[in-house]
């Protein structure tokens, strides 16, 4: 059984993604297990970071367990 991550704020995830997105910290905090891929590729040279940032803004990126980010 996996531990459920604490529900994260959309605003907090936007700020963390903007400043630390290349390290994948926002994915780690949201419970994704593939966050380390962003760390070793520096966010896919920034491309994954931009995609994640846009997905968080539009509400398409959810917590790893499927829950919506809090407002």
PDB file of N, CA and C in Angstrom:
ATOM      1  N   UNK A   1       0.844  -1.179   0.000  1.00  0.00           N
ATOM      2  CA  UNK A   1       0.000   0.000   0.000  1.00  0.00           C
ATOM      3  C   UNK A   1       0.892   1.246   0.000  1.00  0.00           C
ATOM      4  N   UNK A   2       0.598   2.175  -0.872  1.00  0.00           N
ATOM      5  CA  UNK A   2       1.399   3.390  -0.958  1.00  0.00           C
ATOM      6  C   UNK A   2       0.810   4.478  -0.071  1.00  0.00           C
ATOM      7  N   UNK A   3       1.695   5.303   0.422  1.00  0.00           N
ATOM      8  CA  UNK A   3       1.267   6.404   1.278  1.00  0.00           C
ATOM      9  C   UNK A   3       0.701   7.526   0.416  1.00  0.00           C
ATOM     10  N   UNK A   4      -0.425   8.070   0.827  1.00  0.00           N
ATOM     11  CA  UNK A   4      -1.070   9.141   0.073  1.00  0.00           C
ATOM     12  C   UNK A   4      -0.395  10.462   0.428  1.00  0.00           C
ATOM     13  N   UNK A   5       0.033  11.194  -0.605  1.00  0.00           N
ATOM     14  CA  UNK A   5       0.681  12.488  -0.408  1.00  0.00           C
ATOM     15  C   UNK A   5      -0.345  13.529   0.024  1.00  0.00           C
ATOM     16  N   UNK A   6       0.138  14.523   0.750  1.00  0.00           N
ATOM     17  CA  UNK A   6      -0.712  15.638   1.174  1.00  0.00           C
ATOM     18  C   UNK A   6      -1.170  16.413  -0.057  1.00  0.00           C
ATOM     19  N   UNK A   7      -2.421  16.813  -0.058  1.00  0.00           N
ATOM     20  CA  UNK A   7      -2.982  17.579  -1.166  1.00  0.00           C
ATOM     21  C   UNK A   7      -2.257  18.913  -1.274  1.00  0.00           C
ATOM     22  N   UNK A   8      -1.801  19.239  -2.470  1.00  0.00           N
ATOM     23  CA  UNK A   8      -1.017  20.442  -2.694  1.00  0.00           C
ATOM     24  C   UNK A   8      -1.876  21.554  -3.294  1.00  0.00           C
ATOM     25  N   UNK A   9      -1.471  22.773  -3.039  1.00  0.00           N
ATOM     26  CA  UNK A   9      -2.144  23.947  -3.569  1.00  0.00           C
ATOM     27  C   UNK A   9      -1.688  24.203  -5.005  1.00  0.00           C
ATOM     28  N   UNK A  10      -2.620  24.603  -5.845  1.00  0.00           N
ATOM     29  CA  UNK A  10      -2.310  24.918  -7.234  1.00  0.00           C
ATOM     30  C   UNK A  10      -1.318  26.075  -7.307  1.00  0.00           C
ATOM     31  N   UNK A  11      -1.520  27.099  -6.491  1.00  0.00           N
ATOM     32  CA  UNK A  11      -0.629  28.261  -6.478  1.00  0.00           C
ATOM     33  C   UNK A  11       0.787  27.868  -6.057  1.00  0.00           C
ATOM     34  N   UNK A  12       0.888  27.058  -5.027  1.00  0.00           N
ATOM     35  CA  UNK A  12       2.197  26.605  -4.556  1.00  0.00           C
ATOM     36  C   UNK A  12       2.905  25.809  -5.646  1.00  0.00           C
ATOM     37  N   UNK A  13       2.191  24.926  -6.310  1.00  0.00           N
ATOM     38  CA  UNK A  13       2.796  24.112  -7.364  1.00  0.00           C
ATOM     39  C   UNK A  13       3.233  24.969  -8.548  1.00  0.00           C
ATOM     40  N   UNK A  14       2.479  26.032  -8.855  1.00  0.00           N
ATOM     41  CA  UNK A  14       2.889  26.941  -9.936  1.00  0.00           C
ATOM     42  C   UNK A  14       4.204  27.640  -9.598  1.00  0.00           C
ATOM     43  N   UNK A  15       4.322  28.124  -8.372  1.00  0.00           N
ATOM     44  CA  UNK A  15       5.540  28.825  -7.950  1.00  0.00           C
ATOM     45  C   UNK A  15       6.734  27.867  -7.951  1.00  0.00           C
ATOM     46  N   UNK A  16       6.540  26.678  -7.396  1.00  0.00           N
ATOM     47  CA  UNK A  16       7.627  25.705  -7.337  1.00  0.00           C
ATOM     48  C   UNK A  16       8.008  25.247  -8.740  1.00  0.00           C
ATOM     49  N   UNK A  17       7.038  25.027  -9.596  1.00  0.00           N
ATOM     50  CA  UNK A  17       7.321  24.624 -10.969  1.00  0.00           C
ATOM     51  C   UNK A  17       8.087  25.716 -11.706  1.00  0.00           C
ATOM     52  N   UNK A  18       7.724  26.973 -11.476  1.00  0.00           N
ATOM     53  CA  UNK A  18       8.383  28.090 -12.152  1.00  0.00           C
ATOM     54  C   UNK A  18       9.853  28.201 -11.735  1.00  0.00           C
ATOM     55  N   UNK A  19      10.114  28.098 -10.430  1.00  0.00           N
ATOM     56  CA  UNK A  19      11.469  28.312  -9.944  1.00  0.00           C
ATOM     57  C   UNK A  19      12.314  27.032  -9.877  1.00  0.00           C
ATOM     58  N   UNK A  20      11.704  25.892  -9.578  1.00  0.00           N
ATOM     59  CA  UNK A  20      12.457  24.643  -9.415  1.00  0.00           C
ATOM     60  C   UNK A  20      11.981  23.540 -10.358  1.00  0.00           C
ATOM     61  N   UNK A  21      11.269  23.918 -11.406  1.00  0.00           N
ATOM     62  CA  UNK A  21      10.699  22.934 -12.322  1.00  0.00           C
ATOM     63  C   UNK A  21      11.714  22.025 -12.981  1.00  0.00           C
ATOM     64  N   UNK A  22      12.874  22.557 -13.287  1.00  0.00           N
ATOM     65  CA  UNK A  22      13.907  21.748 -13.920  1.00  0.00           C
ATOM     66  C   UNK A  22      14.435  20.643 -13.039  1.00  0.00           C
ATOM     67  N   UNK A  23      14.212  20.749 -11.750  1.00  0.00           N
ATOM     68  CA  UNK A  23      14.652  19.717 -10.809  1.00  0.00           C
ATOM     69  C   UNK A  23      13.549  18.699 -10.515  1.00  0.00           C
ATOM     70  N   UNK A  24      12.330  18.963 -10.968  1.00  0.00           N
ATOM     71  CA  UNK A  24      11.229  18.031 -10.773  1.00  0.00           C
ATOM     72  C   UNK A  24      10.641  18.042  -9.376  1.00  0.00           C
ATOM     73  N   UNK A  25      10.930  19.075  -8.590  1.00  0.00           N
ATOM     74  CA  UNK A  25      10.459  19.131  -7.204  1.00  0.00           C
ATOM     75  C   UNK A  25       8.931  19.144  -7.134  1.00  0.00           C
ATOM     76  N   UNK A  26       8.285  19.827  -8.063  1.00  0.00           N
ATOM     77  CA  UNK A  26       6.818  19.871  -8.054  1.00  0.00           C
ATOM     78  C   UNK A  26       6.236  18.480  -8.263  1.00  0.00           C
ATOM     79  N   UNK A  27       6.848  17.675  -9.117  1.00  0.00           N
ATOM     80  CA  UNK A  27       6.372  16.299  -9.327  1.00  0.00           C
ATOM     81  C   UNK A  27       6.589  15.440  -8.089  1.00  0.00           C
ATOM     82  N   UNK A  28       7.715  15.623  -7.418  1.00  0.00           N
ATOM     83  CA  UNK A  28       7.986  14.894  -6.182  1.00  0.00           C
ATOM     84  C   UNK A  28       6.926  15.218  -5.134  1.00  0.00           C
ATOM     85  N   UNK A  29       6.605  16.500  -4.980  1.00  0.00           N
ATOM     86  CA  UNK A  29       5.613  16.919  -3.994  1.00  0.00           C
ATOM     87  C   UNK A  29       4.210  16.446  -4.344  1.00  0.00           C
ATOM     88  N   UNK A  30       3.952  16.204  -5.637  1.00  0.00           N
ATOM     89  CA  UNK A  30       2.630  15.752  -6.064  1.00  0.00           C
ATOM     90  C   UNK A  30       2.514  14.230  -6.054  1.00  0.00           C
ATOM     91  N   UNK A  31       3.599  13.535  -5.710  1.00  0.00           N
ATOM     92  CA  UNK A  31       3.543  12.090  -5.556  1.00  0.00           C
ATOM     93  C   UNK A  31       3.941  11.281  -6.772  1.00  0.00           C
ATOM     94  N   UNK A  32       4.466  11.905  -7.807  1.00  0.00           N
ATOM     95  CA  UNK A  32       4.877  11.177  -8.999  1.00  0.00           C
ATOM     96  C   UNK A  32       6.197  10.462  -8.738  1.00  0.00           C
ATOM     97  N   UNK A  33       6.311   9.231  -9.246  1.00  0.00           N
ATOM     98  CA  UNK A  33       7.530   8.456  -9.032  1.00  0.00           C
ATOM     99  C   UNK A  33       8.589   8.747 -10.090  1.00  0.00           C
ATOM    100  N   UNK A  34       8.227   9.432 -11.175  1.00  0.00           N
ATOM    101  CA  UNK A  34       9.188   9.705 -12.247  1.00  0.00           C
ATOM    102  C   UNK A  34       9.831  11.085 -12.146  1.00  0.00           C
ATOM    103  N   UNK A  35       9.780  11.707 -10.990  1.00  0.00           N
ATOM    104  CA  UNK A  35      10.324  13.051 -10.818  1.00  0.00           C
ATOM    105  C   UNK A  35      11.825  13.081 -11.071  1.00  0.00           C
ATOM    106  N   UNK A  36      12.516  11.992 -10.794  1.00  0.00           N
ATOM    107  CA  UNK A  36      13.968  11.956 -10.954  1.00  0.00           C
ATOM    108  C   UNK A  36      14.397  12.075 -12.408  1.00  0.00           C
ATOM    109  N   UNK A  37      13.497  11.734 -13.358  1.00  0.00           N
ATOM    110  CA  UNK A  37      13.828  11.916 -14.775  1.00  0.00           C
ATOM    111  C   UNK A  37      14.006  13.396 -15.105  1.00  0.00           C
ATOM    112  N   UNK A  38      13.182  14.229 -14.491  1.00  0.00           N
ATOM    113  CA  UNK A  38      13.317  15.669 -14.702  1.00  0.00           C
ATOM    114  C   UNK A  38      14.607  16.175 -14.065  1.00  0.00           C
ATOM    115  N   UNK A  39      14.989  15.579 -12.954  1.00  0.00           N
ATOM    116  CA  UNK A  39      16.205  15.990 -12.271  1.00  0.00           C
ATOM    117  C   UNK A  39      17.438  15.724 -13.134  1.00  0.00           C
ATOM    118  N   UNK A  40      17.533  14.533 -13.706  1.00  0.00           N
ATOM    119  CA  UNK A  40      18.746  14.198 -14.470  1.00  0.00           C
ATOM    120  C   UNK A  40      18.767  14.821 -15.865  1.00  0.00           C
ATOM    121  N   UNK A  41      17.609  15.269 -16.370  1.00  0.00           N
ATOM    122  CA  UNK A  41      17.578  15.908 -17.698  1.00  0.00           C
ATOM    123  C   UNK A  41      17.303  17.403 -17.603  1.00  0.00           C
ATOM    124  N   UNK A  42      17.290  17.924 -16.370  1.00  0.00           N
ATOM    125  CA  UNK A  42      16.954  19.336 -16.119  1.00  0.00           C
ATOM    126  C   UNK A  42      15.637  19.723 -16.764  1.00  0.00           C
ATOM    127  N   UNK A  43      14.642  18.915 -16.490  1.00  0.00           N
ATOM    128  CA  UNK A  43      13.291  19.198 -16.978  1.00  0.00           C
ATOM    129  C   UNK A  43      13.164  19.006 -18.472  1.00  0.00           C
ATOM    130  N   UNK A  44      13.911  18.015 -19.007  1.00  0.00           N
ATOM    131  CA  UNK A  44      13.873  17.801 -20.458  1.00  0.00           C
ATOM    132  C   UNK A  44      14.338  19.054 -21.189  1.00  0.00           C
ATOM    133  N   UNK A  45      15.455  19.652 -20.657  1.00  0.00           N
ATOM    134  CA  UNK A  45      15.997  20.914 -21.180  1.00  0.00           C
ATOM    135  C   UNK A  45      14.944  22.018 -21.140  1.00  0.00           C
ATOM    136  N   UNK A  46      14.072  21.956 -20.153  1.00  0.00           N
ATOM    137  CA  UNK A  46      13.076  23.005 -19.957  1.00  0.00           C
ATOM    138  C   UNK A  46      11.736  22.729 -20.601  1.00  0.00           C
ATOM    139  N   UNK A  47      11.691  21.781 -21.524  1.00  0.00           N
ATOM    140  CA  UNK A  47      10.447  21.512 -22.255  1.00  0.00           C
ATOM    141  C   UNK A  47       9.392  20.898 -21.342  1.00  0.00           C
ATOM    142  N   UNK A  48       9.765  19.869 -20.560  1.00  0.00           N
ATOM    143  CA  UNK A  48       8.802  19.252 -19.642  1.00  0.00           C
ATOM    144  C   UNK A  48       8.333  20.249 -18.601  1.00  0.00           C
ATOM    145  N   UNK A  49       9.236  21.114 -18.182  1.00  0.00           N
ATOM    146  CA  UNK A  49       8.879  22.119 -17.179  1.00  0.00           C
ATOM    147  C   UNK A  49       7.798  23.047 -17.713  1.00  0.00           C
ATOM    148  N   UNK A  50       7.968  23.513 -18.947  1.00  0.00           N
ATOM    149  CA  UNK A  50       6.974  24.401 -19.567  1.00  0.00           C
ATOM    150  C   UNK A  50       5.640  23.678 -19.721  1.00  0.00           C
ATOM    151  N   UNK A  51       5.691  22.424 -20.165  1.00  0.00           N
ATOM    152  CA  UNK A  51       4.462  21.638 -20.338  1.00  0.00           C
ATOM    153  C   UNK A  51       3.754  21.452 -19.000  1.00  0.00           C
ATOM    154  N   UNK A  52       4.506  21.087 -17.958  1.00  0.00           N
ATOM    155  CA  UNK A  52       3.913  20.920 -16.623  1.00  0.00           C
ATOM    156  C   UNK A  52       3.320  22.227 -16.122  1.00  0.00           C
ATOM    157  N   UNK A  53       4.034  23.337 -16.327  1.00  0.00           N
ATOM    158  CA  UNK A  53       3.549  24.646 -15.880  1.00  0.00           C
ATOM    159  C   UNK A  53       2.206  24.968 -16.534  1.00  0.00           C
ATOM    160  N   UNK A  54       2.106  24.742 -17.825  1.00  0.00           N
ATOM    161  CA  UNK A  54       0.853  25.003 -18.549  1.00  0.00           C
ATOM    162  C   UNK A  54      -0.247  24.064 -18.066  1.00  0.00           C
ATOM    163  N   UNK A  55       0.098  22.798 -17.832  1.00  0.00           N
ATOM    164  CA  UNK A  55      -0.901  21.843 -17.357  1.00  0.00           C
ATOM    165  C   UNK A  55      -1.407  22.186 -15.966  1.00  0.00           C
ATOM    166  N   UNK A  56      -0.535  22.701 -15.111  1.00  0.00           N
ATOM    167  CA  UNK A  56      -0.978  23.115 -13.770  1.00  0.00           C
ATOM    168  C   UNK A  56      -1.909  24.312 -13.891  1.00  0.00           C
ATOM    169  N   UNK A  57      -1.566  25.279 -14.731  1.00  0.00           N
ATOM    170  CA  UNK A  57      -2.423  26.460 -14.930  1.00  0.00           C
ATOM    171  C   UNK A  57      -3.806  26.061 -15.422  1.00  0.00           C
ATOM    172  N   UNK A  58      -3.861  25.167 -16.412  1.00  0.00           N
ATOM    173  CA  UNK A  58      -5.142  24.784 -17.009  1.00  0.00           C
ATOM    174  C   UNK A  58      -5.902  23.753 -16.174  1.00  0.00           C
ATOM    175  N   UNK A  59      -5.263  23.183 -15.160  1.00  0.00           N
ATOM    176  CA  UNK A  59      -5.923  22.199 -14.307  1.00  0.00           C
ATOM    177  C   UNK A  59      -5.846  20.781 -14.834  1.00  0.00           C
ATOM    178  N   UNK A  60      -5.031  20.545 -15.855  1.00  0.00           N
ATOM    179  CA  UNK A  60      -4.900  19.202 -16.422  1.00  0.00           C
ATOM    180  C   UNK A  60      -3.931  18.320 -15.658  1.00  0.00           C
ATOM    181  N   UNK A  61      -3.070  18.900 -14.833  1.00  0.00           N
ATOM    182  CA  UNK A  61      -2.132  18.101 -14.039  1.00  0.00           C
ATOM    183  C   UNK A  61      -2.697  17.936 -12.644  1.00  0.00           C
ATOM    184  N   UNK A  62      -2.872  16.696 -12.262  1.00  0.00           N
ATOM    185  CA  UNK A  62      -3.468  16.375 -10.971  1.00  0.00           C
ATOM    186  C   UNK A  62      -2.404  15.729 -10.084  1.00  0.00           C
ATOM    187  N   UNK A  63      -2.748  15.490  -8.844  1.00  0.00           N
ATOM    188  CA  UNK A  63      -1.870  14.725  -7.951  1.00  0.00           C
ATOM    189  C   UNK A  63      -1.681  13.343  -8.577  1.00  0.00           C
ATOM    190  N   UNK A  64      -0.621  12.645  -8.211  1.00  0.00           N
ATOM    191  CA  UNK A  64      -0.334  11.340  -8.803  1.00  0.00           C
ATOM    192  C   UNK A  64      -1.464  10.344  -8.588  1.00  0.00           C
ATOM    193  N   UNK A  65      -2.220  10.485  -7.496  1.00  0.00           N
ATOM    194  CA  UNK A  65      -3.312   9.558  -7.206  1.00  0.00           C
ATOM    195  C   UNK A  65      -4.636  10.005  -7.840  1.00  0.00           C
ATOM    196  N   UNK A  66      -4.604  11.070  -8.664  1.00  0.00           N
ATOM    197  CA  UNK A  66      -5.794  11.486  -9.394  1.00  0.00           C
ATOM    198  C   UNK A  66      -6.594  12.608  -8.765  1.00  0.00           C
ATOM    199  N   UNK A  67      -6.233  13.013  -7.552  1.00  0.00           N
ATOM    200  CA  UNK A  67      -6.956  14.118  -6.900  1.00  0.00           C
ATOM    201  C   UNK A  67      -6.604  15.448  -7.558  1.00  0.00           C
ATOM    202  N   UNK A  68      -7.565  16.354  -7.579  1.00  0.00           N
ATOM    203  CA  UNK A  68      -7.339  17.702  -8.091  1.00  0.00           C
ATOM    204  C   UNK A  68      -6.486  18.482  -7.107  1.00  0.00           C
ATOM    205  N   UNK A  69      -5.697  19.432  -7.605  1.00  0.00           N
ATOM    206  CA  UNK A  69      -4.962  20.333  -6.732  1.00  0.00           C
ATOM    207  C   UNK A  69      -5.958  21.261  -6.049  1.00  0.00           C
ATOM    208  N   UNK A  70      -5.650  21.650  -4.806  1.00  0.00           N
ATOM    209  CA  UNK A  70      -6.554  22.561  -4.103  1.00  0.00           C
ATOM    210  C   UNK A  70      -6.375  23.978  -4.638  1.00  0.00           C
ATOM    211  N   UNK A  71      -7.385  24.788  -4.439  1.00  0.00           N
ATOM    212  CA  UNK A  71      -7.362  26.173  -4.960  1.00  0.00           C
ATOM    213  C   UNK A  71      -6.464  27.073  -4.159  1.00  0.00           C
TER     214      UNK A  71
END
